[in-house]
Amino acid sequence: MTMTFQQQARDAIRDSGGRITPQREILFDLLAHVENDIDADALFRLAAQQDPNISLPTVYRTLNTLEDADVIAAQYVSTDHERKVYRVNNRKNVFHFTCRRCGMVTPVTSKLVDQLRRELGSQIGADVVTLCMCAGGLCEDCRKEESGL
């Protein structure tokens, strides 16, 4: 029988010595049902709608514990590695393009990413499980504006 994400999250928190609180249950449910990648601030805003007593440090501690336990995956969406987004590990690999002018973040998928992961693994003789990749430049609208079109 396969465990639900919420069960995996509870186990990860318990294994790290943490407590399962009502606030953490809210975070587990939100992460399980969010369709796209989400950053800590957006998760905090959603959770605060359900429980105004939740704190941003609780969100970060929970995300860090779940990431350390490989229950969720984190990925940087800025080339300077300042902003991370999170996804439940059973979701497909999505990478991000960030416009350097307007800051818009666009999710991107490509079969080439899995190909690159396998190629890197064979080059170094390892099992590459995660691959962090982000792209930056000008989005279509900003490119048109800069070129005067």
C-alpha atoms as a PDB file:
ATOM      1  CA  MET A   1       0.000   0.000   0.000  1.00  0.00           C
ATOM      2  CA  THR A   2       1.365   3.416  -0.971  1.00  0.00           C
ATOM      3  CA  MET A   3       1.498   6.096   1.689  1.00  0.00           C
ATOM      4  CA  THR A   4      -0.136   9.433   1.011  1.00  0.00           C
ATOM      5  CA  PHE A   5       1.988  12.543   0.918  1.00  0.00           C
ATOM      6  CA  GLN A   6       0.511  13.605   4.254  1.00  0.00           C
ATOM      7  CA  GLN A   7       1.564  10.279   5.845  1.00  0.00           C
ATOM      8  CA  GLN A   8       5.084  10.611   4.429  1.00  0.00           C
ATOM      9  CA  ALA A   9       5.269  14.184   5.727  1.00  0.00           C
ATOM     10  CA  ARG A  10       4.112  13.170   9.212  1.00  0.00           C
ATOM     11  CA  ASP A  11       6.714  10.387   9.321  1.00  0.00           C
ATOM     12  CA  ALA A  12       9.467  12.791   8.196  1.00  0.00           C
ATOM     13  CA  ILE A  13       8.572  15.312  10.914  1.00  0.00           C
ATOM     14  CA  ARG A  14       8.392  12.609  13.607  1.00  0.00           C
ATOM     15  CA  ASP A  15      11.671  11.049  12.447  1.00  0.00           C
ATOM     16  CA  SER A  16      13.367  14.436  12.806  1.00  0.00           C
ATOM     17  CA  GLY A  17      12.070  14.784  16.376  1.00  0.00           C
ATOM     18  CA  GLY A  18       9.359  17.285  15.461  1.00  0.00           C
ATOM     19  CA  ARG A  19       5.755  17.387  16.579  1.00  0.00           C
ATOM     20  CA  ILE A  20       2.701  17.064  14.364  1.00  0.00           C
ATOM     21  CA  THR A  21       0.762  20.249  15.055  1.00  0.00           C
ATOM     22  CA  PRO A  22      -2.480  21.536  13.519  1.00  0.00           C
ATOM     23  CA  GLN A  23      -0.406  24.155  11.672  1.00  0.00           C
ATOM     24  CA  ARG A  24       1.800  21.482  10.139  1.00  0.00           C
ATOM     25  CA  GLU A  25      -1.264  19.465   9.119  1.00  0.00           C
ATOM     26  CA  ILE A  26      -2.474  22.541   7.224  1.00  0.00           C
ATOM     27  CA  LEU A  27       0.903  22.779   5.463  1.00  0.00           C
ATOM     28  CA  PHE A  28       0.832  19.072   4.560  1.00  0.00           C
ATOM     29  CA  ASP A  29      -2.666  19.390   3.068  1.00  0.00           C
ATOM     30  CA  LEU A  30      -1.769  22.518   1.114  1.00  0.00           C
ATOM     31  CA  LEU A  31       1.389  20.952  -0.304  1.00  0.00           C
ATOM     32  CA  ALA A  32      -0.497  17.781  -1.240  1.00  0.00           C
ATOM     33  CA  HIS A  33      -3.110  19.701  -3.204  1.00  0.00           C
ATOM     34  CA  VAL A  34      -1.242  22.611  -4.756  1.00  0.00           C
ATOM     35  CA  GLU A  35      -1.031  22.140  -8.525  1.00  0.00           C
ATOM     36  CA  ASN A  36       2.137  24.101  -9.222  1.00  0.00           C
ATOM     37  CA  ASP A  37       5.410  24.719  -7.464  1.00  0.00           C
ATOM     38  CA  ILE A  38       5.055  27.023  -4.469  1.00  0.00           C
ATOM     39  CA  ASP A  39       7.494  29.158  -2.512  1.00  0.00           C
ATOM     40  CA  ALA A  40       7.541  29.544   1.275  1.00  0.00           C
ATOM     41  CA  ASP A  41       5.883  32.973   1.247  1.00  0.00           C
ATOM     42  CA  ALA A  42       2.965  31.824  -0.915  1.00  0.00           C
ATOM     43  CA  LEU A  43       2.535  28.710   1.237  1.00  0.00           C
ATOM     44  CA  PHE A  44       2.570  30.908   4.344  1.00  0.00           C
ATOM     45  CA  ARG A  45      -0.129  33.202   2.892  1.00  0.00           C
ATOM     46  CA  LEU A  46      -2.370  30.230   2.045  1.00  0.00           C
ATOM     47  CA  ALA A  47      -1.839  28.639   5.452  1.00  0.00           C
ATOM     48  CA  ALA A  48      -2.516  31.922   7.271  1.00  0.00           C
ATOM     49  CA  GLN A  49      -5.942  32.055   5.608  1.00  0.00           C
ATOM     50  CA  GLN A  50      -6.775  28.827   7.452  1.00  0.00           C
ATOM     51  CA  ASP A  51      -4.921  29.597  10.689  1.00  0.00           C
ATOM     52  CA  PRO A  52      -3.790  33.172  11.364  1.00  0.00           C
ATOM     53  CA  ASN A  53      -1.538  31.898  14.193  1.00  0.00           C
ATOM     54  CA  ILE A  54       0.819  30.067  11.837  1.00  0.00           C
ATOM     55  CA  SER A  55       4.276  31.609  11.636  1.00  0.00           C
ATOM     56  CA  LEU A  56       6.672  31.968   8.719  1.00  0.00           C
ATOM     57  CA  PRO A  57       9.461  30.211  10.704  1.00  0.00           C
ATOM     58  CA  THR A  58       7.121  27.196  11.126  1.00  0.00           C
ATOM     59  CA  VAL A  59       6.652  27.119   7.355  1.00  0.00           C
ATOM     60  CA  TYR A  60      10.403  27.268   6.712  1.00  0.00           C
ATOM     61  CA  ARG A  61      11.245  24.651   9.366  1.00  0.00           C
ATOM     62  CA  THR A  62       8.597  22.306   7.978  1.00  0.00           C
ATOM     63  CA  LEU A  63       9.767  22.779   4.380  1.00  0.00           C
ATOM     64  CA  ASN A  64      13.418  22.239   5.348  1.00  0.00           C
ATOM     65  CA  THR A  65      12.588  19.046   7.252  1.00  0.00           C
ATOM     66  CA  LEU A  66      10.485  17.681   4.379  1.00  0.00           C
ATOM     67  CA  GLU A  67      13.214  18.577   1.890  1.00  0.00           C
ATOM     68  CA  ASP A  68      15.907  16.885   4.019  1.00  0.00           C
ATOM     69  CA  ALA A  69      13.722  13.744   4.123  1.00  0.00           C
ATOM     70  CA  ASP A  70      13.227  13.831   0.317  1.00  0.00           C
ATOM     71  CA  VAL A  71       9.463  14.111   0.710  1.00  0.00           C
ATOM     72  CA  ILE A  72       9.483  17.361  -1.245  1.00  0.00           C
ATOM     73  CA  ALA A  73      11.936  18.719  -3.765  1.00  0.00           C
ATOM     74  CA  ALA A  74      13.234  22.260  -3.765  1.00  0.00           C
ATOM     75  CA  GLN A  75      14.430  24.105  -6.795  1.00  0.00           C
ATOM     76  CA  TYR A  76      15.860  27.557  -7.302  1.00  0.00           C
ATOM     77  CA  VAL A  77      13.957  29.793  -9.691  1.00  0.00           C
ATOM     78  CA  SER A  78      16.451  32.613  -9.790  1.00  0.00           C
ATOM     79  CA  THR A  79      19.896  32.502 -11.269  1.00  0.00           C
ATOM     80  CA  ASP A  80      21.313  34.025  -8.086  1.00  0.00           C
ATOM     81  CA  HIS A  81      19.784  31.136  -6.060  1.00  0.00           C
ATOM     82  CA  GLU A  82      17.893  33.476  -3.762  1.00  0.00           C
ATOM     83  CA  ARG A  83      14.379  32.110  -4.352  1.00  0.00           C
ATOM     84  CA  LYS A  84      13.336  28.473  -3.984  1.00  0.00           C
ATOM     85  CA  VAL A  85      10.094  26.763  -4.878  1.00  0.00           C
ATOM     86  CA  TYR A  86       8.916  23.421  -3.594  1.00  0.00           C
ATOM     87  CA  ARG A  87       6.997  20.493  -5.043  1.00  0.00           C
ATOM     88  CA  VAL A  88       5.887  17.106  -3.837  1.00  0.00           C
ATOM     89  CA  ASN A  89       8.501  14.625  -5.053  1.00  0.00           C
ATOM     90  CA  ASN A  90       6.108  12.517  -7.111  1.00  0.00           C
ATOM     91  CA  ARG A  91       5.440  15.340  -9.562  1.00  0.00           C
ATOM     92  CA  LYS A  92       7.239  15.731 -12.885  1.00  0.00           C
ATOM     93  CA  ASN A  93      10.440  17.731 -13.239  1.00  0.00           C
ATOM     94  CA  VAL A  94       9.618  21.339 -13.962  1.00  0.00           C
ATOM     95  CA  PHE A  95      12.238  23.988 -14.382  1.00  0.00           C
ATOM     96  CA  HIS A  96      11.872  27.739 -14.475  1.00  0.00           C
ATOM     97  CA  PHE A  97      12.730  30.624 -16.732  1.00  0.00           C
ATOM     98  CA  THR A  98      12.937  33.974 -14.931  1.00  0.00           C
ATOM     99  CA  CYS A  99      12.760  37.219 -16.865  1.00  0.00           C
ATOM    100  CA  ARG A 100      15.618  39.455 -15.723  1.00  0.00           C
ATOM    101  CA  ARG A 101      13.590  42.568 -16.493  1.00  0.00           C
ATOM    102  CA  CYS A 102      10.036  42.004 -15.187  1.00  0.00           C
ATOM    103  CA  GLY A 103      10.776  39.075 -12.865  1.00  0.00           C
ATOM    104  CA  MET A 104       8.075  36.838 -14.326  1.00  0.00           C
ATOM    105  CA  VAL A 105       8.756  33.142 -13.643  1.00  0.00           C
ATOM    106  CA  THR A 106       7.616  30.663 -16.305  1.00  0.00           C
ATOM    107  CA  PRO A 107       7.557  26.908 -15.632  1.00  0.00           C
ATOM    108  CA  VAL A 108       9.222  24.850 -18.377  1.00  0.00           C
ATOM    109  CA  THR A 109       9.379  21.105 -19.038  1.00  0.00           C
ATOM    110  CA  SER A 110      11.602  19.278 -21.493  1.00  0.00           C
ATOM    111  CA  LYS A 111      12.471  15.676 -22.245  1.00  0.00           C
ATOM    112  CA  LEU A 112      16.057  16.912 -22.611  1.00  0.00           C
ATOM    113  CA  VAL A 113      16.276  17.394 -18.839  1.00  0.00           C
ATOM    114  CA  ASP A 114      15.862  13.673 -18.135  1.00  0.00           C
ATOM    115  CA  GLN A 115      18.291  12.958 -20.955  1.00  0.00           C
ATOM    116  CA  LEU A 116      20.815  15.347 -19.378  1.00  0.00           C
ATOM    117  CA  ARG A 117      20.338  13.756 -15.938  1.00  0.00           C
ATOM    118  CA  ARG A 118      21.030  10.282 -17.381  1.00  0.00           C
ATOM    119  CA  GLU A 119      24.017  11.542 -19.393  1.00  0.00           C
ATOM    120  CA  LEU A 120      25.561  13.237 -16.353  1.00  0.00           C
ATOM    121  CA  GLY A 121      25.005  10.086 -14.321  1.00  0.00           C
ATOM    122  CA  SER A 122      26.743   7.911 -16.874  1.00  0.00           C
ATOM    123  CA  GLN A 123      29.665  10.361 -17.198  1.00  0.00           C
ATOM    124  CA  ILE A 124      30.401  10.293 -13.488  1.00  0.00           C
ATOM    125  CA  GLY A 125      29.136   6.777 -12.750  1.00  0.00           C
ATOM    126  CA  ALA A 126      26.470   7.965 -10.338  1.00  0.00           C
ATOM    127  CA  ASP A 127      22.720   7.865  -9.968  1.00  0.00           C
ATOM    128  CA  VAL A 128      21.739  11.513 -10.473  1.00  0.00           C
ATOM    129  CA  VAL A 129      18.424  11.795  -8.666  1.00  0.00           C
ATOM    130  CA  THR A 130      18.004  15.562  -8.636  1.00  0.00           C
ATOM    131  CA  LEU A 131      19.059  18.209 -11.076  1.00  0.00           C
ATOM    132  CA  CYS A 132      18.862  21.923 -10.312  1.00  0.00           C
ATOM    133  CA  MET A 133      18.503  24.058 -13.376  1.00  0.00           C
ATOM    134  CA  CYS A 134      17.151  27.543 -13.930  1.00  0.00           C
ATOM    135  CA  ALA A 135      17.213  29.767 -16.970  1.00  0.00           C
ATOM    136  CA  GLY A 136      17.126  33.532 -17.181  1.00  0.00           C
ATOM    137  CA  GLY A 137      16.855  36.162 -19.850  1.00  0.00           C
ATOM    138  CA  LEU A 138      14.113  38.286 -21.331  1.00  0.00           C
ATOM    139  CA  CYS A 139      10.545  37.051 -21.645  1.00  0.00           C
ATOM    140  CA  GLU A 140       8.762  37.548 -24.954  1.00  0.00           C
ATOM    141  CA  ASP A 141       7.048  40.807 -23.892  1.00  0.00           C
ATOM    142  CA  CYS A 142      10.225  42.362 -22.471  1.00  0.00           C
ATOM    143  CA  ARG A 143      12.236  41.271 -25.512  1.00  0.00           C
ATOM    144  CA  LYS A 144       9.715  43.014 -27.782  1.00  0.00           C
ATOM    145  CA  GLU A 145       9.795  46.154 -25.618  1.00  0.00           C
ATOM    146  CA  GLU A 146      13.590  46.312 -25.653  1.00  0.00           C
ATOM    147  CA  SER A 147      13.768  45.807 -29.398  1.00  0.00           C
ATOM    148  CA  GLY A 148      11.079  48.470 -29.949  1.00  0.00           C
ATOM    149  CA  LEU A 149       8.570  46.171 -31.642  1.00  0.00           C
END
